[in-house]
């Protein structure tokens, strides 16, 4: 479900440490822009509850008792494709960061940051922002010959739509998602590929097709 207009962003928090989870939930509850619609402590519980509430943003811990946050995000990307992801982490783990990026993470936040930073990040991600460290993106690009390695499968499909000259609405009709979901994916594509405008993306796709 997309966050409509000025309606609060629907948030789900998935972390198996109750104290941490409750702390994040309290931070979100304290911000009028956010509405916590579900909590979960495992991959299975997260998938089940997300299917029922369809959150705009899922705050996901990387370490869960029955799998990883990567497993959860991969499952949610299929079950609730409009949901965007913010990764909760307590350490700098390059391997996990790359894997999270691969399945569609739009931001990473340390559990030790100020509560206002978490709330601001969730709100920004819900409205299409991609808040990723440039070093993470560059490392992902450098480790692959494919310049599209930083994109998720859905983002690649959106890129194809841009290359075909489709509008966000037309792209949504082709992919079976809402226009706003497409807009969010376009924003992510531009951020990950280093472009500022949609026209730059279209021109780049055309140049790749001529090769």
Protein backbone atom coordinates (compact mmCIF):
# COMPACT_ATOMS: atom_id res chain seq x y z
CA UNK A 1 0.00 0.00 0.00
CA UNK A 2 1.26 3.44 -0.85
CA UNK A 3 1.37 6.22 1.73
CA UNK A 4 -1.41 8.53 0.46
CA UNK A 5 -0.86 12.26 0.59
CA UNK A 6 -0.55 13.47 4.17
CA UNK A 7 -1.73 10.20 5.73
CA UNK A 8 0.68 8.73 8.28
CA UNK A 9 3.26 6.30 6.93
CA UNK A 10 2.27 2.74 7.84
CA UNK A 11 5.26 1.17 9.56
CA UNK A 12 6.14 -2.37 10.57
CA UNK A 13 9.07 -3.17 12.90
CA UNK A 14 10.79 -6.56 12.76
CA UNK A 15 13.40 -7.27 15.44
CA UNK A 16 13.71 -10.28 17.75
CA UNK A 17 15.15 -8.23 20.64
CA UNK A 18 12.06 -6.99 22.45
CA UNK A 19 13.76 -4.05 24.14
CA UNK A 20 15.15 -2.79 20.83
CA UNK A 21 11.88 -3.42 19.01
CA UNK A 22 9.83 -1.62 21.64
CA UNK A 23 12.26 1.28 21.57
CA UNK A 24 11.93 1.67 17.81
CA UNK A 25 8.15 1.31 18.02
CA UNK A 26 7.99 4.02 20.70
CA UNK A 27 10.11 6.32 18.50
CA UNK A 28 7.72 5.81 15.60
CA UNK A 29 4.62 6.23 17.79
CA UNK A 30 5.99 9.55 19.03
CA UNK A 31 6.10 10.94 15.48
CA UNK A 32 2.74 12.06 14.10
CA UNK A 33 3.92 11.29 10.56
CA UNK A 34 4.21 7.57 11.34
CA UNK A 35 1.73 4.85 12.32
CA UNK A 36 3.05 1.49 13.56
CA UNK A 37 0.65 -1.12 12.18
CA UNK A 38 2.50 -4.30 13.18
CA UNK A 39 5.48 -5.79 14.97
CA UNK A 40 7.25 -9.10 14.47
CA UNK A 41 10.18 -11.02 15.95
CA UNK A 42 10.97 -13.50 13.17
CA UNK A 43 10.97 -13.98 9.41
CA UNK A 44 7.86 -16.16 9.46
CA UNK A 45 5.94 -13.79 11.72
CA UNK A 46 7.05 -10.82 9.65
CA UNK A 47 5.84 -12.34 6.40
CA UNK A 48 2.50 -13.34 7.92
CA UNK A 49 1.76 -9.99 9.51
CA UNK A 50 2.98 -7.92 6.58
CA UNK A 51 0.60 -9.77 4.27
CA UNK A 52 -2.26 -8.71 6.54
CA UNK A 53 -1.34 -5.04 7.07
CA UNK A 54 0.71 -4.25 3.93
CA UNK A 55 3.04 -1.62 5.47
CA UNK A 56 4.52 1.29 3.54
CA UNK A 57 7.89 0.79 5.26
CA UNK A 58 9.37 -2.19 7.08
CA UNK A 59 12.16 -1.59 9.59
CA UNK A 60 14.10 -4.84 9.43
CA UNK A 61 16.76 -6.29 11.74
CA UNK A 62 19.40 -8.31 9.89
CA UNK A 63 19.60 -11.11 12.48
CA UNK A 64 16.40 -13.04 13.17
CA UNK A 65 15.96 -16.42 14.90
CA UNK A 66 14.63 -18.27 11.85
CA UNK A 67 16.68 -16.58 9.14
CA UNK A 68 17.97 -13.16 8.20
CA UNK A 69 16.53 -9.78 7.40
CA UNK A 70 17.64 -10.49 3.84
CA UNK A 71 15.32 -13.52 3.73
CA UNK A 72 12.48 -11.41 5.06
CA UNK A 73 13.01 -8.56 2.60
CA UNK A 74 13.22 -11.00 -0.28
CA UNK A 75 9.89 -12.53 0.76
CA UNK A 76 8.23 -9.16 1.30
CA UNK A 77 9.42 -7.93 -2.10
CA UNK A 78 7.27 -10.66 -3.63
CA UNK A 79 4.34 -10.60 -1.19
CA UNK A 80 3.99 -6.82 -0.69
CA UNK A 81 5.96 -5.19 -3.53
CA UNK A 82 5.02 -1.64 -2.52
CA UNK A 83 6.72 -2.02 0.87
CA UNK A 84 10.05 -0.23 1.19
CA UNK A 85 12.84 -1.30 3.51
CA UNK A 86 14.98 0.36 6.15
CA UNK A 87 17.62 -1.95 7.63
CA UNK A 88 18.26 -1.80 11.36
CA UNK A 89 21.83 -2.73 12.17
CA UNK A 90 24.17 -2.57 15.14
CA UNK A 91 27.40 -2.90 13.20
CA UNK A 92 29.01 -2.14 9.84
CA UNK A 93 28.85 -5.40 7.88
CA UNK A 94 29.76 -4.95 4.22
CA UNK A 95 28.55 -8.39 3.17
CA UNK A 96 25.12 -7.87 4.68
CA UNK A 97 24.96 -4.33 3.31
CA UNK A 98 25.55 -5.57 -0.22
CA UNK A 99 22.99 -8.36 0.14
CA UNK A 100 20.43 -5.95 1.60
CA UNK A 101 20.99 -3.57 -1.29
CA UNK A 102 20.44 -6.43 -3.70
CA UNK A 103 16.97 -7.14 -2.32
CA UNK A 104 15.90 -3.50 -2.22
CA UNK A 105 17.04 -1.80 1.00
CA UNK A 106 16.55 1.95 0.69
CA UNK A 107 18.40 2.96 3.86
CA UNK A 108 20.49 1.65 6.75
CA UNK A 109 20.25 3.00 10.30
CA UNK A 110 22.28 2.06 13.33
CA UNK A 111 20.22 1.08 16.36
CA UNK A 112 22.29 3.52 18.38
CA UNK A 113 21.27 6.65 16.44
CA UNK A 114 18.91 9.29 17.80
CA UNK A 115 15.23 8.41 17.57
CA UNK A 116 14.50 11.46 15.45
CA UNK A 117 16.95 10.18 12.82
CA UNK A 118 15.11 6.86 12.58
CA UNK A 119 11.76 8.61 12.21
CA UNK A 120 13.09 11.03 9.59
CA UNK A 121 14.64 8.14 7.64
CA UNK A 122 11.40 6.15 7.62
CA UNK A 123 9.42 9.17 6.46
CA UNK A 124 11.92 9.96 3.69
CA UNK A 125 12.05 6.36 2.45
CA UNK A 126 8.24 6.15 2.39
CA UNK A 127 8.22 9.14 0.07
CA UNK A 128 10.65 7.70 -2.43
CA UNK A 129 14.06 8.67 -1.05
CA UNK A 130 17.05 6.32 -1.19
CA UNK A 131 19.47 7.06 1.64
CA UNK A 132 22.43 4.83 0.94
CA UNK A 133 26.09 5.46 1.63
CA UNK A 134 27.84 6.23 -1.67
CA UNK A 135 30.62 3.87 -0.61
CA UNK A 136 28.18 0.96 -0.46
CA UNK A 137 26.87 1.71 -3.94
CA UNK A 138 30.35 2.19 -5.41
CA UNK A 139 31.62 -1.02 -3.83
CA UNK A 140 28.66 -2.85 -5.37
CA UNK A 141 29.39 -1.34 -8.78
CA UNK A 142 33.11 -2.08 -8.58
CA UNK A 143 32.57 -5.72 -7.67
CA UNK A 144 30.46 -6.45 -10.78
CA UNK A 145 30.98 -6.01 -14.51
CA UNK A 146 27.25 -5.41 -14.91
CA UNK A 147 26.49 -1.69 -14.27
CA UNK A 148 22.98 -2.73 -13.26
CA UNK A 149 24.22 -4.93 -10.42
CA UNK A 150 23.07 -2.32 -7.90
CA UNK A 151 19.44 -2.65 -9.05
CA UNK A 152 16.84 -5.09 -7.78
CA UNK A 153 14.91 -7.20 -10.35
CA UNK A 154 11.90 -4.86 -10.08
CA UNK A 155 14.09 -1.80 -10.55
CA UNK A 156 15.50 -3.38 -13.71
CA UNK A 157 11.97 -3.80 -15.05
CA UNK A 158 11.23 -0.16 -14.26
CA UNK A 159 14.45 0.80 -16.05
CA UNK A 160 13.21 -1.07 -19.13
CA UNK A 161 9.95 0.87 -18.96
CA UNK A 162 11.86 4.15 -18.82
CA UNK A 163 13.87 3.03 -21.84
CA UNK A 164 10.64 2.26 -23.68
CA UNK A 165 9.43 5.80 -23.01
CA UNK A 166 6.60 4.81 -20.68
CA UNK A 167 5.22 7.20 -18.07
CA UNK A 168 4.94 6.13 -14.44
CA UNK A 169 1.27 5.35 -14.97
CA UNK A 170 1.95 3.29 -18.08
CA UNK A 171 4.82 1.52 -16.33
CA UNK A 172 2.52 0.68 -13.44
CA UNK A 173 -0.03 -0.80 -15.82
CA UNK A 174 2.65 -2.93 -17.44
CA UNK A 175 4.08 -4.15 -14.14
CA UNK A 176 0.82 -4.44 -12.21
CA UNK A 177 1.73 -1.93 -9.49
CA UNK A 178 0.57 1.57 -8.59
CA UNK A 179 1.91 4.73 -10.19
CA UNK A 180 3.38 5.85 -6.86
CA UNK A 181 5.20 2.54 -6.44
CA UNK A 182 6.75 3.06 -9.88
CA UNK A 183 7.73 6.60 -8.92
CA UNK A 184 9.54 5.27 -5.84
CA UNK A 185 11.37 2.71 -7.96
CA UNK A 186 12.38 5.39 -10.48
CA UNK A 187 13.81 7.47 -7.63
CA UNK A 188 15.79 4.44 -6.44
CA UNK A 189 17.08 3.72 -9.94
CA UNK A 190 18.30 7.29 -10.39
CA UNK A 191 20.01 7.32 -6.98
CA UNK A 192 21.72 3.97 -7.50
CA UNK A 193 22.93 4.75 -11.03
CA UNK A 194 24.02 8.27 -10.14
CA UNK A 195 21.53 10.24 -12.26
CA UNK A 196 19.66 13.38 -11.25
CA UNK A 197 16.88 13.37 -13.85
CA UNK A 198 14.68 10.81 -15.54
CA UNK A 199 15.77 12.06 -18.96
CA UNK A 200 19.36 11.15 -18.10
CA UNK A 201 18.25 7.60 -17.32
CA UNK A 202 16.37 7.32 -20.62
CA UNK A 203 19.38 8.61 -22.56
CA UNK A 204 21.68 6.16 -20.76
CA UNK A 205 19.39 3.21 -21.56
CA UNK A 206 19.31 4.25 -25.20
CA UNK A 207 23.13 4.45 -25.30
CA UNK A 208 23.38 0.94 -23.82
CA UNK A 209 20.95 -0.43 -26.39
CA UNK A 210 23.08 0.96 -29.24
CA UNK A 211 26.16 -0.95 -28.06
